[in-house]
Amino acid sequence: REFDGGYAEYALLPNSLLMPITTTLPW
């Protein structure tokens, strides 16, 4: 909305939004 989102191969995102996840699930 204010900046480009997830419909892309790469996204530049604020660090404050990033949630680290440990998982074995497929993407």
mmCIF file of all heavy atoms, coordinates in Angstrom:
data_MODEL
# 
_entry.id   MODEL 
# 
loop_
_atom_site.group_PDB 
_atom_site.id 
_atom_site.type_symbol 
_atom_site.label_atom_id 
_atom_site.label_alt_id 
_atom_site.label_comp_id 
_atom_site.label_asym_id 
_atom_site.label_entity_id 
_atom_site.label_seq_id 
_atom_site.pdbx_PDB_ins_code 
_atom_site.Cartn_x 
_atom_site.Cartn_y 
_atom_site.Cartn_z 
_atom_site.occupancy 
_atom_site.B_iso_or_equiv 
_atom_site.pdbx_formal_charge 
_atom_site.auth_seq_id 
_atom_site.auth_comp_id 
_atom_site.auth_asym_id 
_atom_site.auth_atom_id 
_atom_site.pdbx_PDB_model_num 
ATOM 1   N N   . ARG A 1 1  ? 0.846  -1.198  0.000   1.00 0.00 ? 1  ARG A N   1 
ATOM 2   C CA  . ARG A 1 1  ? 0.000  0.000   0.000   1.00 0.00 ? 1  ARG A CA  1 
ATOM 3   C C   . ARG A 1 1  ? 0.884  1.251   0.000   1.00 0.00 ? 1  ARG A C   1 
ATOM 4   O O   . ARG A 1 1  ? 0.957  1.945   -0.993  1.00 0.00 ? 1  ARG A O   1 
ATOM 5   C CB  . ARG A 1 1  ? -0.930 -0.017  1.218   1.00 0.00 ? 1  ARG A CB  1 
ATOM 6   C CG  . ARG A 1 1  ? -1.910 -1.196  1.198   1.00 0.00 ? 1  ARG A CG  1 
ATOM 7   C CD  . ARG A 1 1  ? -2.675 -1.322  2.506   1.00 0.00 ? 1  ARG A CD  1 
ATOM 8   N NE  . ARG A 1 1  ? -3.433 -0.113  2.805   1.00 0.00 ? 1  ARG A NE  1 
ATOM 9   C CZ  . ARG A 1 1  ? -4.631 0.155   2.291   1.00 0.00 ? 1  ARG A CZ  1 
ATOM 10  N NH1 . ARG A 1 1  ? -5.204 -0.685  1.466   1.00 0.00 ? 1  ARG A NH1 1 
ATOM 11  N NH2 . ARG A 1 1  ? -5.262 1.271   2.613   1.00 0.00 ? 1  ARG A NH2 1 
ATOM 12  N N   . GLU A 1 2  ? 1.583  1.485   1.109   1.00 0.00 ? 2  GLU A N   1 
ATOM 13  C CA  . GLU A 1 2  ? 2.505  2.628   1.164   1.00 0.00 ? 2  GLU A CA  1 
ATOM 14  C C   . GLU A 1 2  ? 3.822  2.304   0.479   1.00 0.00 ? 2  GLU A C   1 
ATOM 15  O O   . GLU A 1 2  ? 4.491  3.186   -0.067  1.00 0.00 ? 2  GLU A O   1 
ATOM 16  C CB  . GLU A 1 2  ? 2.749  3.009   2.622   1.00 0.00 ? 2  GLU A CB  1 
ATOM 17  C CG  . GLU A 1 2  ? 3.608  4.236   2.812   1.00 0.00 ? 2  GLU A CG  1 
ATOM 18  C CD  . GLU A 1 2  ? 3.784  4.580   4.283   1.00 0.00 ? 2  GLU A CD  1 
ATOM 19  O OE1 . GLU A 1 2  ? 2.789  4.520   5.035   1.00 0.00 ? 2  GLU A OE1 1 
ATOM 20  O OE2 . GLU A 1 2  ? 4.922  4.909   4.675   1.00 0.00 ? 2  GLU A OE2 1 
ATOM 21  N N   . PHE A 1 3  ? 4.208  1.030   0.523   1.00 0.00 ? 3  PHE A N   1 
ATOM 22  C CA  . PHE A 1 3  ? 5.420  0.560   -0.167  1.00 0.00 ? 3  PHE A CA  1 
ATOM 23  C C   . PHE A 1 3  ? 5.126  -0.804  -0.778  1.00 0.00 ? 3  PHE A C   1 
ATOM 24  O O   . PHE A 1 3  ? 4.141  -1.458  -0.435  1.00 0.00 ? 3  PHE A O   1 
ATOM 25  C CB  . PHE A 1 3  ? 6.617  0.500   0.792   1.00 0.00 ? 3  PHE A CB  1 
ATOM 26  C CG  . PHE A 1 3  ? 6.373  -0.313  2.035   1.00 0.00 ? 3  PHE A CG  1 
ATOM 27  C CD1 . PHE A 1 3  ? 6.643  -1.678  2.080   1.00 0.00 ? 3  PHE A CD1 1 
ATOM 28  C CD2 . PHE A 1 3  ? 5.874  0.288   3.195   1.00 0.00 ? 3  PHE A CD2 1 
ATOM 29  C CE1 . PHE A 1 3  ? 6.416  -2.429  3.225   1.00 0.00 ? 3  PHE A CE1 1 
ATOM 30  C CE2 . PHE A 1 3  ? 5.643  -0.453  4.350   1.00 0.00 ? 3  PHE A CE2 1 
ATOM 31  C CZ  . PHE A 1 3  ? 5.919  -1.814  4.365   1.00 0.00 ? 3  PHE A CZ  1 
ATOM 32  N N   . ASP A 1 4  ? 5.990  -1.244  -1.700  1.00 0.00 ? 4  ASP A N   1 
ATOM 33  C CA  . ASP A 1 4  ? 5.736  -2.471  -2.452  1.00 0.00 ? 4  ASP A CA  1 
ATOM 34  C C   . ASP A 1 4  ? 5.713  -3.697  -1.553  1.00 0.00 ? 4  ASP A C   1 
ATOM 35  O O   . ASP A 1 4  ? 6.472  -3.803  -0.583  1.00 0.00 ? 4  ASP A O   1 
ATOM 36  C CB  . ASP A 1 4  ? 6.788  -2.646  -3.551  1.00 0.00 ? 4  ASP A CB  1 
ATOM 37  C CG  . ASP A 1 4  ? 6.578  -1.688  -4.715  1.00 0.00 ? 4  ASP A CG  1 
ATOM 38  O OD1 . ASP A 1 4  ? 5.480  -1.099  -4.799  1.00 0.00 ? 4  ASP A OD1 1 
ATOM 39  O OD2 . ASP A 1 4  ? 7.503  -1.532  -5.534  1.00 0.00 ? 4  ASP A OD2 1 
ATOM 40  N N   . GLY A 1 5  ? 4.808  -4.638  -1.903  1.00 0.00 ? 5  GLY A N   1 
ATOM 41  C CA  . GLY A 1 5  ? 4.579  -5.807  -1.070  1.00 0.00 ? 5  GLY A CA  1 
ATOM 42  C C   . GLY A 1 5  ? 5.044  -7.109  -1.670  1.00 0.00 ? 5  GLY A C   1 
ATOM 43  O O   . GLY A 1 5  ? 6.060  -7.167  -2.372  1.00 0.00 ? 5  GLY A O   1 
ATOM 44  N N   . GLY A 1 6  ? 4.281  -8.176  -1.410  1.00 0.00 ? 6  GLY A N   1 
ATOM 45  C CA  . GLY A 1 6  ? 4.750  -9.537  -1.606  1.00 0.00 ? 6  GLY A CA  1 
ATOM 46  C C   . GLY A 1 6  ? 4.579  -10.143 -2.978  1.00 0.00 ? 6  GLY A C   1 
ATOM 47  O O   . GLY A 1 6  ? 5.048  -11.260 -3.216  1.00 0.00 ? 6  GLY A O   1 
ATOM 48  N N   . TYR A 1 7  ? 3.952  -9.450  -3.936  1.00 0.00 ? 7  TYR A N   1 
ATOM 49  C CA  . TYR A 1 7  ? 3.755  -10.016 -5.277  1.00 0.00 ? 7  TYR A CA  1 
ATOM 50  C C   . TYR A 1 7  ? 5.024  -9.851  -6.121  1.00 0.00 ? 7  TYR A C   1 
ATOM 51  O O   . TYR A 1 7  ? 4.998  -9.285  -7.214  1.00 0.00 ? 7  TYR A O   1 
ATOM 52  C CB  . TYR A 1 7  ? 2.621  -9.306  -6.009  1.00 0.00 ? 7  TYR A CB  1 
ATOM 53  C CG  . TYR A 1 7  ? 1.210  -9.543  -5.544  1.00 0.00 ? 7  TYR A CG  1 
ATOM 54  C CD1 . TYR A 1 7  ? 0.909  -10.117 -4.307  1.00 0.00 ? 7  TYR A CD1 1 
ATOM 55  C CD2 . TYR A 1 7  ? 0.138  -9.152  -6.344  1.00 0.00 ? 7  TYR A CD2 1 
ATOM 56  C CE1 . TYR A 1 7  ? -0.404 -10.301 -3.896  1.00 0.00 ? 7  TYR A CE1 1 
ATOM 57  C CE2 . TYR A 1 7  ? -1.174 -9.332  -5.946  1.00 0.00 ? 7  TYR A CE2 1 
ATOM 58  C CZ  . TYR A 1 7  ? -1.443 -9.899  -4.732  1.00 0.00 ? 7  TYR A CZ  1 
ATOM 59  O OH  . TYR A 1 7  ? -2.749 -10.064 -4.329  1.00 0.00 ? 7  TYR A OH  1 
ATOM 60  N N   . ALA A 1 8  ? 6.133  -10.361 -5.646  1.00 0.00 ? 8  ALA A N   1 
ATOM 61  C CA  . ALA A 1 8  ? 7.402  -10.159 -6.337  1.00 0.00 ? 8  ALA A CA  1 
ATOM 62  C C   . ALA A 1 8  ? 8.417  -11.206 -5.884  1.00 0.00 ? 8  ALA A C   1 
ATOM 63  O O   . ALA A 1 8  ? 8.194  -11.913 -4.899  1.00 0.00 ? 8  ALA A O   1 
ATOM 64  C CB  . ALA A 1 8  ? 7.947  -8.752  -6.052  1.00 0.00 ? 8  ALA A CB  1 
ATOM 65  N N   . GLU A 1 9  ? 9.524  -11.283 -6.596  1.00 0.00 ? 9  GLU A N   1 
ATOM 66  C CA  . GLU A 1 9  ? 10.582 -12.219 -6.207  1.00 0.00 ? 9  GLU A CA  1 
ATOM 67  C C   . GLU A 1 9  ? 11.359 -11.719 -5.001  1.00 0.00 ? 9  GLU A C   1 
ATOM 68  O O   . GLU A 1 9  ? 11.922 -12.525 -4.246  1.00 0.00 ? 9  GLU A O   1 
ATOM 69  C CB  . GLU A 1 9  ? 11.513 -12.460 -7.392  1.00 0.00 ? 9  GLU A CB  1 
ATOM 70  C CG  . GLU A 1 9  ? 10.843 -13.201 -8.545  1.00 0.00 ? 9  GLU A CG  1 
ATOM 71  C CD  . GLU A 1 9  ? 11.752 -13.416 -9.721  1.00 0.00 ? 9  GLU A CD  1 
ATOM 72  O OE1 . GLU A 1 9  ? 12.535 -12.509 -10.059 1.00 0.00 ? 9  GLU A OE1 1 
ATOM 73  O OE2 . GLU A 1 9  ? 11.682 -14.509 -10.334 1.00 0.00 ? 9  GLU A OE2 1 
ATOM 74  N N   . TYR A 1 10 ? 11.411 -10.393 -4.815  1.00 0.00 ? 10 TYR A N   1 
ATOM 75  C CA  . TYR A 1 10 ? 12.059 -9.799  -3.648  1.00 0.00 ? 10 TYR A CA  1 
ATOM 76  C C   . TYR A 1 10 ? 11.177 -8.668  -3.119  1.00 0.00 ? 10 TYR A C   1 
ATOM 77  O O   . TYR A 1 10 ? 10.471 -8.001  -3.876  1.00 0.00 ? 10 TYR A O   1 
ATOM 78  C CB  . TYR A 1 10 ? 13.438 -9.222  -3.999  1.00 0.00 ? 10 TYR A CB  1 
ATOM 79  C CG  . TYR A 1 10 ? 14.481 -10.266 -4.285  1.00 0.00 ? 10 TYR A CG  1 
ATOM 80  C CD1 . TYR A 1 10 ? 14.664 -10.739 -5.580  1.00 0.00 ? 10 TYR A CD1 1 
ATOM 81  C CD2 . TYR A 1 10 ? 15.290 -10.788 -3.271  1.00 0.00 ? 10 TYR A CD2 1 
ATOM 82  C CE1 . TYR A 1 10 ? 15.621 -11.708 -5.857  1.00 0.00 ? 10 TYR A CE1 1 
ATOM 83  C CE2 . TYR A 1 10 ? 16.252 -11.756 -3.536  1.00 0.00 ? 10 TYR A CE2 1 
ATOM 84  C CZ  . TYR A 1 10 ? 16.410 -12.211 -4.834  1.00 0.00 ? 10 TYR A CZ  1 
ATOM 85  O OH  . TYR A 1 10 ? 17.359 -13.173 -5.101  1.00 0.00 ? 10 TYR A OH  1 
ATOM 86  N N   . ALA A 1 11 ? 11.249 -8.461  -1.804  1.00 0.00 ? 11 ALA A N   1 
ATOM 87  C CA  . ALA A 1 11 ? 10.533 -7.351  -1.180  1.00 0.00 ? 11 ALA A CA  1 
ATOM 88  C C   . ALA A 1 11 ? 11.447 -6.682  -0.172  1.00 0.00 ? 11 ALA A C   1 
ATOM 89  O O   . ALA A 1 11 ? 12.087 -7.365  0.647   1.00 0.00 ? 11 ALA A O   1 
ATOM 90  C CB  . ALA A 1 11 ? 9.259  -7.848  -0.493  1.00 0.00 ? 11 ALA A CB  1 
ATOM 91  N N   . LEU A 1 12 ? 11.541 -5.364  -0.224  1.00 0.00 ? 12 LEU A N   1 
ATOM 92  C CA  . LEU A 1 12 ? 12.282 -4.600  0.775   1.00 0.00 ? 12 LEU A CA  1 
ATOM 93  C C   . LEU A 1 12 ? 11.303 -4.212  1.870   1.00 0.00 ? 12 LEU A C   1 
ATOM 94  O O   . LEU A 1 12 ? 10.337 -3.488  1.613   1.00 0.00 ? 12 LEU A O   1 
ATOM 95  C CB  . LEU A 1 12 ? 12.904 -3.353  0.147   1.00 0.00 ? 12 LEU A CB  1 
ATOM 96  C CG  . LEU A 1 12 ? 13.789 -2.528  1.094   1.00 0.00 ? 12 LEU A CG  1 
ATOM 97  C CD1 . LEU A 1 12 ? 15.055 -3.305  1.471   1.00 0.00 ? 12 LEU A CD1 1 
ATOM 98  C CD2 . LEU A 1 12 ? 14.149 -1.183  0.466   1.00 0.00 ? 12 LEU A CD2 1 
ATOM 99  N N   . LEU A 1 13 ? 11.548 -4.711  3.093   1.00 0.00 ? 13 LEU A N   1 
ATOM 100 C CA  . LEU A 1 13 ? 10.571 -4.574  4.166   1.00 0.00 ? 13 LEU A CA  1 
ATOM 101 C C   . LEU A 1 13 ? 11.208 -3.981  5.422   1.00 0.00 ? 13 LEU A C   1 
ATOM 102 O O   . LEU A 1 13 ? 12.386 -4.240  5.708   1.00 0.00 ? 13 LEU A O   1 
ATOM 103 C CB  . LEU A 1 13 ? 9.975  -5.945  4.507   1.00 0.00 ? 13 LEU A CB  1 
ATOM 104 C CG  . LEU A 1 13 ? 9.288  -6.676  3.347   1.00 0.00 ? 13 LEU A CG  1 
ATOM 105 C CD1 . LEU A 1 13 ? 8.873  -8.072  3.783   1.00 0.00 ? 13 LEU A CD1 1 
ATOM 106 C CD2 . LEU A 1 13 ? 8.097  -5.883  2.842   1.00 0.00 ? 13 LEU A CD2 1 
ATOM 107 N N   . PRO A 1 14 ? 10.433 -3.212  6.196   1.00 0.00 ? 14 PRO A N   1 
ATOM 108 C CA  . PRO A 1 14 ? 10.957 -2.687  7.461   1.00 0.00 ? 14 PRO A CA  1 
ATOM 109 C C   . PRO A 1 14 ? 11.332 -3.834  8.402   1.00 0.00 ? 14 PRO A C   1 
ATOM 110 O O   . PRO A 1 14 ? 10.593 -4.814  8.524   1.00 0.00 ? 14 PRO A O   1 
ATOM 111 C CB  . PRO A 1 14 ? 9.785  -1.884  8.023   1.00 0.00 ? 14 PRO A CB  1 
ATOM 112 C CG  . PRO A 1 14 ? 8.895  -1.610  6.860   1.00 0.00 ? 14 PRO A CG  1 
ATOM 113 C CD  . PRO A 1 14 ? 9.051  -2.772  5.937   1.00 0.00 ? 14 PRO A CD  1 
ATOM 114 N N   . ASN A 1 15 ? 12.455 -3.715  9.068   1.00 0.00 ? 15 ASN A N   1 
ATOM 115 C CA  . ASN A 1 15 ? 12.872 -4.754  10.022  1.00 0.00 ? 15 ASN A CA  1 
ATOM 116 C C   . ASN A 1 15 ? 11.801 -5.001  11.083  1.00 0.00 ? 15 ASN A C   1 
ATOM 117 O O   . ASN A 1 15 ? 11.643 -6.123  11.574  1.00 0.00 ? 15 ASN A O   1 
ATOM 118 C CB  . ASN A 1 15 ? 14.186 -4.356  10.691  1.00 0.00 ? 15 ASN A CB  1 
ATOM 119 C CG  . ASN A 1 15 ? 15.355 -4.347  9.726   1.00 0.00 ? 15 ASN A CG  1 
ATOM 120 O OD1 . ASN A 1 15 ? 15.348 -5.059  8.723   1.00 0.00 ? 15 ASN A OD1 1 
ATOM 121 N ND2 . ASN A 1 15 ? 16.367 -3.533  10.020  1.00 0.00 ? 15 ASN A ND2 1 
ATOM 122 N N   . SER A 1 16 ? 11.075 -3.949  11.436  1.00 0.00 ? 16 SER A N   1 
ATOM 123 C CA  . SER A 1 16 ? 10.063 -4.079  12.485  1.00 0.00 ? 16 SER A CA  1 
ATOM 124 C C   . SER A 1 16 ? 8.917  -5.000  12.088  1.00 0.00 ? 16 SER A C   1 
ATOM 125 O O   . SER A 1 16 ? 8.173  -5.475  12.956  1.00 0.00 ? 16 SER A O   1 
ATOM 126 C CB  . SER A 1 16 ? 9.502  -2.703  12.842  1.00 0.00 ? 16 SER A CB  1 
ATOM 127 O OG  . SER A 1 16 ? 8.906  -2.097  11.693  1.00 0.00 ? 16 SER A OG  1 
ATOM 128 N N   . LEU A 1 17 ? 8.757  -5.279  10.792  1.00 0.00 ? 17 LEU A N   1 
ATOM 129 C CA  . LEU A 1 17 ? 7.680  -6.166  10.338  1.00 0.00 ? 17 LEU A CA  1 
ATOM 130 C C   . LEU A 1 17 ? 8.101  -7.626  10.274  1.00 0.00 ? 17 LEU A C   1 
ATOM 131 O O   . LEU A 1 17 ? 7.250  -8.513  10.201  1.00 0.00 ? 17 LEU A O   1 
ATOM 132 C CB  . LEU A 1 17 ? 7.189  -5.752  8.942   1.00 0.00 ? 17 LEU A CB  1 
ATOM 133 C CG  . LEU A 1 17 ? 6.313  -4.521  8.813   1.00 0.00 ? 17 LEU A CG  1 
ATOM 134 C CD1 . LEU A 1 17 ? 5.776  -4.435  7.386   1.00 0.00 ? 17 LEU A CD1 1 
ATOM 135 C CD2 . LEU A 1 17 ? 5.163  -4.547  9.809   1.00 0.00 ? 17 LEU A CD2 1 
ATOM 136 N N   . LEU A 1 18 ? 9.389  -7.893  10.277  1.00 0.00 ? 18 LEU A N   1 
ATOM 137 C CA  . LEU A 1 18 ? 9.876  -9.250  10.011  1.00 0.00 ? 18 LEU A CA  1 
ATOM 138 C C   . LEU A 1 18 ? 9.748  -10.133 11.249  1.00 0.00 ? 18 LEU A C   1 
ATOM 139 O O   . LEU A 1 18 ? 10.222 -9.796  12.332  1.00 0.00 ? 18 LEU A O   1 
ATOM 140 C CB  . LEU A 1 18 ? 11.323 -9.205  9.537   1.00 0.00 ? 18 LEU A CB  1 
ATOM 141 C CG  . LEU A 1 18 ? 11.561 -8.403  8.247   1.00 0.00 ? 18 LEU A CG  1 
ATOM 142 C CD1 . LEU A 1 18 ? 13.026 -8.470  7.848   1.00 0.00 ? 18 LEU A CD1 1 
ATOM 143 C CD2 . LEU A 1 18 ? 10.663 -8.901  7.109   1.00 0.00 ? 18 LEU A CD2 1 
ATOM 144 N N   . MET A 1 19 ? 9.122  -11.295 11.060  1.00 0.00 ? 19 MET A N   1 
ATOM 145 C CA  . MET A 1 19 ? 8.932  -12.265 12.131  1.00 0.00 ? 19 MET A CA  1 
ATOM 146 C C   . MET A 1 19 ? 9.748  -13.512 11.809  1.00 0.00 ? 19 MET A C   1 
ATOM 147 O O   . MET A 1 19 ? 9.431  -14.233 10.856  1.00 0.00 ? 19 MET A O   1 
ATOM 148 C CB  . MET A 1 19 ? 7.449  -12.632 12.253  1.00 0.00 ? 19 MET A CB  1 
ATOM 149 C CG  . MET A 1 19 ? 6.559  -11.484 12.650  1.00 0.00 ? 19 MET A CG  1 
ATOM 150 S SD  . MET A 1 19 ? 4.800  -11.959 12.794  1.00 0.00 ? 19 MET A SD  1 
ATOM 151 C CE  . MET A 1 19 ? 4.288  -11.880 11.083  1.00 0.00 ? 19 MET A CE  1 
ATOM 152 N N   . PRO A 1 20 ? 10.809 -13.797 12.562  1.00 0.00 ? 20 PRO A N   1 
ATOM 153 C CA  . PRO A 1 20 ? 11.593 -15.007 12.287  1.00 0.00 ? 20 PRO A CA  1 
ATOM 154 C C   . PRO A 1 20 ? 10.787 -16.253 12.614  1.00 0.00 ? 20 PRO A C   1 
ATOM 155 O O   . PRO A 1 20 ? 10.090 -16.315 13.627  1.00 0.00 ? 20 PRO A O   1 
ATOM 156 C CB  . PRO A 1 20 ? 12.798 -14.856 13.218  1.00 0.00 ? 20 PRO A CB  1 
ATOM 157 C CG  . PRO A 1 20 ? 12.328 -13.958 14.316  1.00 0.00 ? 20 PRO A CG  1 
ATOM 158 C CD  . PRO A 1 20 ? 11.337 -13.028 13.700  1.00 0.00 ? 20 PRO A CD  1 
ATOM 159 N N   . ILE A 1 21 ? 10.870 -17.253 11.759  1.00 0.00 ? 21 ILE A N   1 
ATOM 160 C CA  . ILE A 1 21 ? 10.099 -18.475 11.906  1.00 0.00 ? 21 ILE A CA  1 
ATOM 161 C C   . ILE A 1 21 ? 11.011 -19.682 11.749  1.00 0.00 ? 21 ILE A C   1 
ATOM 162 O O   . ILE A 1 21 ? 11.837 -19.729 10.832  1.00 0.00 ? 21 ILE A O   1 
ATOM 163 C CB  . ILE A 1 21 ? 8.973  -18.556 10.850  1.00 0.00 ? 21 ILE A CB  1 
ATOM 164 C CG1 . ILE A 1 21 ? 7.981  -17.415 11.031  1.00 0.00 ? 21 ILE A CG1 1 
ATOM 165 C CG2 . ILE A 1 21 ? 8.252  -19.908 10.900  1.00 0.00 ? 21 ILE A CG2 1 
ATOM 166 C CD1 . ILE A 1 21 ? 7.201  -17.461 12.321  1.00 0.00 ? 21 ILE A CD1 1 
ATOM 167 N N   . THR A 1 22 ? 10.856 -20.640 12.642  1.00 0.00 ? 22 THR A N   1 
ATOM 168 C CA  . THR A 1 22 ? 11.520 -21.939 12.499  1.00 0.00 ? 22 THR A CA  1 
ATOM 169 C C   . THR A 1 22 ? 10.464 -22.945 12.073  1.00 0.00 ? 22 THR A C   1 
ATOM 170 O O   . THR A 1 22 ? 9.446  -23.108 12.748  1.00 0.00 ? 22 THR A O   1 
ATOM 171 C CB  . THR A 1 22 ? 12.149 -22.379 13.828  1.00 0.00 ? 22 THR A CB  1 
ATOM 172 O OG1 . THR A 1 22 ? 13.097 -21.400 14.244  1.00 0.00 ? 22 THR A OG1 1 
ATOM 173 C CG2 . THR A 1 22 ? 12.840 -23.731 13.675  1.00 0.00 ? 22 THR A CG2 1 
ATOM 174 N N   . THR A 1 23 ? 10.689 -23.609 10.936  1.00 0.00 ? 23 THR A N   1 
ATOM 175 C CA  . THR A 1 23 ? 9.645  -24.491 10.417  1.00 0.00 ? 23 THR A CA  1 
ATOM 176 C C   . THR A 1 23 ? 10.207 -25.511 9.430   1.00 0.00 ? 23 THR A C   1 
ATOM 177 O O   . THR A 1 23 ? 11.258 -25.285 8.817   1.00 0.00 ? 23 THR A O   1 
ATOM 178 C CB  . THR A 1 23 ? 8.546  -23.675 9.712   1.00 0.00 ? 23 THR A CB  1 
ATOM 179 O OG1 . THR A 1 23 ? 7.500  -24.548 9.288   1.00 0.00 ? 23 THR A OG1 1 
ATOM 180 C CG2 . THR A 1 23 ? 9.094  -22.933 8.509   1.00 0.00 ? 23 THR A CG2 1 
ATOM 181 N N   . THR A 1 24 ? 9.473  -26.611 9.284   1.00 0.00 ? 24 THR A N   1 
ATOM 182 C CA  . THR A 1 24 ? 9.756  -27.605 8.248   1.00 0.00 ? 24 THR A CA  1 
ATOM 183 C C   . THR A 1 24 ? 8.657  -27.616 7.198   1.00 0.00 ? 24 THR A C   1 
ATOM 184 O O   . THR A 1 24 ? 8.666  -28.458 6.295   1.00 0.00 ? 24 THR A O   1 
ATOM 185 C CB  . THR A 1 24 ? 9.860  -29.013 8.876   1.00 0.00 ? 24 THR A CB  1 
ATOM 186 O OG1 . THR A 1 24 ? 8.624  -29.321 9.548   1.00 0.00 ? 24 THR A OG1 1 
ATOM 187 C CG2 . THR A 1 24 ? 10.998 -29.081 9.876   1.00 0.00 ? 24 THR A CG2 1 
ATOM 188 N N   . LEU A 1 25 ? 7.700  -26.703 7.286   1.00 0.00 ? 25 LEU A N   1 
ATOM 189 C CA  . LEU A 1 25 ? 6.586  -26.675 6.351   1.00 0.00 ? 25 LEU A CA  1 
ATOM 190 C C   . LEU A 1 25 ? 7.045  -26.249 4.956   1.00 0.00 ? 25 LEU A C   1 
ATOM 191 O O   . LEU A 1 25 ? 7.954  -25.420 4.823   1.00 0.00 ? 25 LEU A O   1 
ATOM 192 C CB  . LEU A 1 25 ? 5.507  -25.698 6.827   1.00 0.00 ? 25 LEU A CB  1 
ATOM 193 C CG  . LEU A 1 25 ? 4.789  -26.033 8.138   1.00 0.00 ? 25 LEU A CG  1 
ATOM 194 C CD1 . LEU A 1 25 ? 3.863  -24.886 8.537   1.00 0.00 ? 25 LEU A CD1 1 
ATOM 195 C CD2 . LEU A 1 25 ? 4.002  -27.328 7.997   1.00 0.00 ? 25 LEU A CD2 1 
ATOM 196 N N   . PRO A 1 26 ? 6.418  -26.773 3.911   1.00 0.00 ? 26 PRO A N   1 
ATOM 197 C CA  . PRO A 1 26 ? 6.719  -26.282 2.561   1.00 0.00 ? 26 PRO A CA  1 
ATOM 198 C C   . PRO A 1 26 ? 6.269  -24.833 2.417   1.00 0.00 ? 26 PRO A C   1 
ATOM 199 O O   . PRO A 1 26 ? 5.372  -24.365 3.128   1.00 0.00 ? 26 PRO A O   1 
ATOM 200 C CB  . PRO A 1 26 ? 5.920  -27.220 1.642   1.00 0.00 ? 26 PRO A CB  1 
ATOM 201 C CG  . PRO A 1 26 ? 4.865  -27.810 2.512   1.00 0.00 ? 26 PRO A CG  1 
ATOM 202 C CD  . PRO A 1 26 ? 5.423  -27.869 3.898   1.00 0.00 ? 26 PRO A CD  1 
ATOM 203 N N   . TRP A 1 27 ? 6.881  -24.127 1.478   1.00 0.00 ? 27 TRP A N   1 
ATOM 204 C CA  . TRP A 1 27 ? 6.641  -22.700 1.358   1.00 0.00 ? 27 TRP A CA  1 
ATOM 205 C C   . TRP A 1 27 ? 5.178  -22.362 1.100   1.00 0.00 ? 27 TRP A C   1 
ATOM 206 O O   . TRP A 1 27 ? 4.659  -21.381 1.640   1.00 0.00 ? 27 TRP A O   1 
ATOM 207 C CB  . TRP A 1 27 ? 7.504  -22.102 0.248   1.00 0.00 ? 27 TRP A CB  1 
ATOM 208 C CG  . TRP A 1 27 ? 8.957  -22.034 0.590   1.00 0.00 ? 27 TRP A CG  1 
ATOM 209 C CD1 . TRP A 1 27 ? 9.979  -22.718 -0.001  1.00 0.00 ? 27 TRP A CD1 1 
ATOM 210 C CD2 . TRP A 1 27 ? 9.559  -21.236 1.628   1.00 0.00 ? 27 TRP A CD2 1 
ATOM 211 N NE1 . TRP A 1 27 ? 11.188 -22.400 0.596   1.00 0.00 ? 27 TRP A NE1 1 
ATOM 212 C CE2 . TRP A 1 27 ? 10.960 -21.488 1.589   1.00 0.00 ? 27 TRP A CE2 1 
ATOM 213 C CE3 . TRP A 1 27 ? 9.068  -20.336 2.572   1.00 0.00 ? 27 TRP A CE3 1 
ATOM 214 C CZ2 . TRP A 1 27 ? 11.851 -20.874 2.462   1.00 0.00 ? 27 TRP A CZ2 1 
ATOM 215 C CZ3 . TRP A 1 27 ? 9.958  -19.717 3.441   1.00 0.00 ? 27 TRP A CZ3 1 
ATOM 216 C CH2 . TRP A 1 27 ? 11.330 -19.993 3.384   1.00 0.00 ? 27 TRP A CH2 1 
# 
